[in-house]
Protein backbone atom coordinates (compact mmCIF):
# COMPACT_ATOMS: atom_id res chain seq x y z
CA MET A 1 45.37 -14.64 -23.25
CA GLN A 2 42.34 -13.69 -21.20
CA LYS A 3 41.81 -15.48 -17.78
CA LEU A 4 38.53 -16.81 -17.86
CA THR A 5 35.55 -16.25 -14.67
CA PRO A 6 35.39 -19.47 -12.05
CA TYR A 7 32.67 -21.56 -12.89
CA LYS A 8 31.28 -20.69 -9.36
CA LYS A 9 31.49 -17.69 -9.61
CA LEU A 10 29.68 -17.13 -12.99
CA LEU A 11 26.86 -19.92 -11.14
CA THR A 12 26.78 -17.27 -8.71
CA MET A 13 26.51 -14.25 -10.66
CA ALA A 14 23.34 -15.50 -12.77
CA LYS A 15 22.17 -16.39 -8.98
CA GLU A 16 21.99 -12.59 -8.31
CA ALA A 17 20.95 -11.78 -12.12
CA VAL A 18 17.88 -13.78 -11.66
CA ASP A 19 16.95 -12.70 -8.02
CA ALA A 20 17.36 -9.90 -8.98
CA ALA A 21 14.93 -9.78 -12.13
CA LEU A 22 12.99 -11.53 -10.41
CA ALA A 23 12.43 -8.37 -7.77
CA PRO A 24 10.16 -6.63 -8.58
CA ILE A 25 7.72 -9.36 -9.25
CA ARG A 26 7.92 -11.04 -5.85
CA ALA A 27 7.28 -7.36 -4.18
CA ASN A 28 4.37 -7.29 -6.29
CA SER A 29 2.90 -10.88 -5.56
CA ALA A 30 3.52 -9.41 -1.14
CA LYS A 31 1.70 -6.38 -1.98
CA LYS A 32 -1.17 -8.29 -4.02
CA GLN A 33 -0.81 -10.87 -0.62
CA ALA A 34 -1.08 -8.33 1.90
CA GLU A 35 -4.32 -6.27 -0.17
CA LEU A 36 -5.92 -10.01 0.32
CA GLU A 37 -5.54 -10.47 3.92
CA VAL A 38 -7.32 -6.81 3.74
CA ALA A 39 -10.29 -7.27 2.24
CA LYS A 40 -11.13 -9.90 3.70
CA LEU A 41 -10.63 -8.16 7.12
CA GLU A 42 -13.20 -6.05 5.47
CA GLU A 43 -15.37 -8.64 4.78
CA ARG A 44 -15.29 -9.91 8.26
CA VAL A 45 -15.85 -6.38 9.75
CA ALA A 46 -18.51 -6.40 7.67
CA THR A 47 -19.66 -10.14 9.31
CA LEU A 48 -19.00 -8.49 12.39
CA GLU A 49 -20.51 -5.67 12.09
CA THR A 50 -24.55 -7.37 10.85
CA GLU A 51 -23.90 -10.71 13.75
CA LEU A 52 -23.54 -6.95 16.08
CA THR A 53 -26.90 -5.15 14.45
CA GLU A 54 -28.60 -8.84 14.91
CA LEU A 55 -27.75 -8.12 18.77
CA CYS A 56 -28.84 -5.93 19.42
CA SER A 57 -32.01 -5.56 17.91
CA LYS A 58 -32.81 -8.68 20.43
CA LYS A 59 -35.60 -8.92 22.81
CA ASP A 60 -33.67 -10.78 25.51
CA LEU A 61 -29.93 -8.44 24.84
CA CYS A 62 -27.14 -10.39 26.20
CA PHE A 63 -24.93 -7.59 27.00
CA ASP A 64 -21.44 -9.78 27.28
CA ARG A 65 -22.29 -11.27 24.00
CA ILE A 66 -22.95 -7.19 22.73
CA ILE A 67 -19.50 -6.72 24.22
CA ASP A 68 -17.44 -9.76 22.84
CA LYS A 69 -17.93 -8.78 19.12
CA LEU A 70 -17.57 -5.08 19.78
CA ASP A 71 -14.42 -6.46 20.87
CA GLU A 72 -13.98 -8.36 17.84
CA ILE A 73 -14.89 -5.45 15.10
CA ALA A 74 -12.41 -3.21 17.09
CA LEU A 75 -9.59 -5.86 16.47
CA ALA A 76 -10.22 -6.98 12.99
CA GLU A 77 -10.50 -3.38 12.18
CA ARG A 78 -7.44 -2.50 14.08
CA ARG A 79 -5.51 -5.72 12.06
CA ARG A 80 -6.71 -3.86 8.87
CA GLU A 81 -5.79 -0.48 9.68
CA GLN A 82 -2.04 -2.21 10.62
CA PHE A 83 -2.34 -3.64 7.17
CA ASN A 84 -2.59 -0.89 5.15
CA THR A 85 0.15 0.90 7.33
CA ILE A 86 2.99 -2.17 6.26
CA ILE A 87 1.58 -1.90 3.07
CA ALA A 88 1.98 2.24 2.40
CA GLU A 89 5.51 1.84 4.02
CA MET A 90 7.17 -1.71 2.74
CA PHE A 91 6.03 -0.83 -1.09
CA PRO A 92 5.79 3.03 -1.83
């Protein structure tokens, strides 16, 4: 007579099988979230560049504000590059 597998072990095996089946879906979801963040950062960079152009075209220039805007642009671009690197490395 064949010995039955303990119920607790069956439940664990079933959970592992479900997790394995959902892994590609979860990975794709995480990748899409990261891609959404990249899109948000691209929009932010475009907005900041427009704001920078406005600051530079004013009659009375405020160099501190221009420098701050340049810093914001550099930070957003750096974050976008970091997201793209993460996406490329984690989701080949």
